[in-house]
Each structure stands twice: as C-alpha cells, then as structure tokens.
Amino acid sequence: MTSFSIIVAVGEFNGGVALSILKTIPIMWIIVMIIEPAIFGRIAESLAAKFTQPTDSFNAKIVFRILFTVLGMSAAMTLIGDIVGNGFRTKSSATGCRIGHATL
C-alpha cells in the first residue's frame, strides 16, 4: 500500500520513485514488526477469546486470531502507508508532491 501511495502521490512510476519505495520498505517492516505484537496481536487474541469457547478447536481459535490480525493490520498499514506516501498535510501542494520531507 505504501508503494501505491507513493506512486499516486508522484503521478508516475520512474527510477526516482522506485528508489524512494526501496528506501521506505525497511522502515515499513520495522513499523509492522513493532505494531503487530504490541497492538494488534493483543487485540486479536482478546477478540478471538470473545468469539470462541474454551472447548473450540485450536483451528477455530487460530482462524479468528488471523482474521482479526489481518483486519487490524490492513487498516493500520493503509493509514500509515498514506502518511508515508503523502506526508502529514491537509491539502495538496501546488508545486509538487511531498514524500517525507522532500518535494518532488
């Protein structure tokens, strides 16, 4: 999603955009590895416990945990990808598109 947001913000895909995407991938992986267990793993575990009974199978519990983790991470990474791709701004720039602190 971050790659798509960057391409849409710039308006085309070229070598500079590809380099920007390659630079953001390690940052996004670090963000993912932090927020999954710290936030969404815990939320998914508690929601899975609410939707399953202690007598339910291991597979049923895992399906619910995967479902809630994927839904939470999808929402979070959509927002984070938009922030990384477009920066923190309220309206579009007239002279170019912002990626982080650089204006293209």
Protein backbone atom coordinates (compact mmCIF):
# COMPACT_ATOMS: atom_id res chain seq x y z
CA MET A 1 0.00 0.00 0.00
CA THR A 2 2.89 2.35 0.71
CA SER A 3 4.30 1.77 -2.77
CA PHE A 4 0.93 2.52 -4.33
CA SER A 5 0.51 5.67 -2.22
CA ILE A 6 3.94 6.95 -3.28
CA ILE A 7 3.27 6.26 -6.97
CA VAL A 8 -0.12 8.01 -6.79
CA ALA A 9 1.38 10.98 -4.94
CA VAL A 10 4.08 11.45 -7.57
CA GLY A 11 1.81 10.70 -10.53
CA GLU A 12 4.13 8.33 -12.37
CA PHE A 13 6.50 5.46 -11.79
CA ASN A 14 10.14 6.16 -12.62
CA GLY A 15 13.60 5.43 -11.24
CA GLY A 16 13.38 8.09 -8.54
CA VAL A 17 10.07 6.75 -7.32
CA ALA A 18 11.44 3.19 -7.29
CA LEU A 19 14.39 4.38 -5.18
CA SER A 20 12.02 6.14 -2.77
CA ILE A 21 9.96 2.97 -2.44
CA LEU A 22 13.08 0.87 -1.78
CA LYS A 23 14.10 3.34 0.93
CA THR A 24 10.74 3.14 2.68
CA ILE A 25 10.40 -0.67 2.70
CA PRO A 26 12.80 -1.23 5.65
CA ILE A 27 11.04 1.49 7.63
CA MET A 28 7.67 -0.10 6.99
CA TRP A 29 8.95 -3.54 8.02
CA ILE A 30 10.18 -2.11 11.32
CA ILE A 31 6.81 -0.45 11.92
CA VAL A 32 4.99 -3.70 11.13
CA MET A 33 7.22 -5.78 13.40
CA ILE A 34 6.56 -3.38 16.28
CA ILE A 35 2.81 -2.77 15.98
CA GLU A 36 1.73 -6.34 15.20
CA PRO A 37 2.71 -7.96 18.51
CA ALA A 38 2.38 -4.80 20.61
CA ILE A 39 -1.06 -3.69 19.46
CA PHE A 40 -2.92 -5.90 17.01
CA GLY A 41 -1.72 -9.26 18.29
CA ARG A 42 -3.14 -8.46 21.72
CA ILE A 43 -6.39 -7.10 20.31
CA ALA A 44 -6.77 -10.13 18.04
CA GLU A 45 -6.13 -12.50 20.94
CA SER A 46 -8.79 -10.88 23.12
CA LEU A 47 -11.33 -10.77 20.28
CA ALA A 48 -10.64 -14.40 19.42
CA ALA A 49 -11.27 -15.31 23.06
CA LYS A 50 -14.63 -13.50 22.94
CA PHE A 51 -15.75 -15.28 19.77
CA THR A 52 -14.60 -18.78 20.72
CA GLN A 53 -15.33 -21.11 23.61
CA PRO A 54 -12.68 -23.00 25.62
CA THR A 55 -14.00 -26.20 24.05
CA ASP A 56 -13.49 -24.96 20.47
CA SER A 57 -10.71 -26.46 18.42
CA PHE A 58 -7.28 -24.95 18.03
CA ASN A 59 -8.01 -24.36 14.34
CA ALA A 60 -11.11 -22.29 15.12
CA LYS A 61 -9.17 -20.10 17.54
CA ILE A 62 -6.35 -19.59 15.04
CA VAL A 63 -8.77 -18.66 12.24
CA PHE A 64 -10.32 -15.93 14.40
CA ARG A 65 -6.93 -14.64 15.51
CA ILE A 66 -5.68 -14.50 11.91
CA LEU A 67 -8.88 -12.77 10.79
CA PHE A 68 -8.66 -10.05 13.45
CA THR A 69 -4.92 -9.56 12.98
CA VAL A 70 -5.27 -9.16 9.21
CA LEU A 71 -8.19 -6.74 9.54
CA GLY A 72 -6.36 -4.60 12.09
CA MET A 73 -3.06 -4.58 10.21
CA SER A 74 -4.81 -3.77 6.94
CA ALA A 75 -6.47 -0.72 8.46
CA ALA A 76 -3.28 0.42 10.21
CA MET A 77 -0.98 -0.04 7.23
CA THR A 78 -3.44 1.74 4.93
CA LEU A 79 -3.26 4.79 7.20
CA ILE A 80 0.50 4.52 7.76
CA GLY A 81 1.13 3.97 4.03
CA ASP A 82 -0.86 7.08 3.23
CA ILE A 83 1.13 9.10 5.76
CA VAL A 84 4.46 7.82 4.42
CA GLY A 85 3.41 8.31 0.80
CA ASN A 86 1.80 11.72 1.16
CA GLY A 87 3.27 13.11 4.35
CA PHE A 88 1.36 15.00 7.00
CA ARG A 89 -0.54 17.61 5.05
CA THR A 90 -4.06 18.90 4.86
CA LYS A 91 -4.17 19.93 1.20
CA SER A 92 -2.20 19.09 -1.92
CA SER A 93 0.88 21.09 -2.83
CA ALA A 94 0.62 23.24 -5.96
CA THR A 95 4.31 22.84 -6.87
CA GLY A 96 4.78 19.13 -6.38
CA CYS A 97 4.17 16.10 -4.22
CA ARG A 98 5.74 15.58 -0.83
CA ILE A 99 7.38 12.31 0.14
CA GLY A 100 8.50 12.63 3.72
CA HIS A 101 10.33 15.95 3.77
CA ALA A 102 11.36 16.11 0.11
CA THR A 103 9.27 17.76 -2.57
CA LEU A 104 9.32 16.10 -5.97
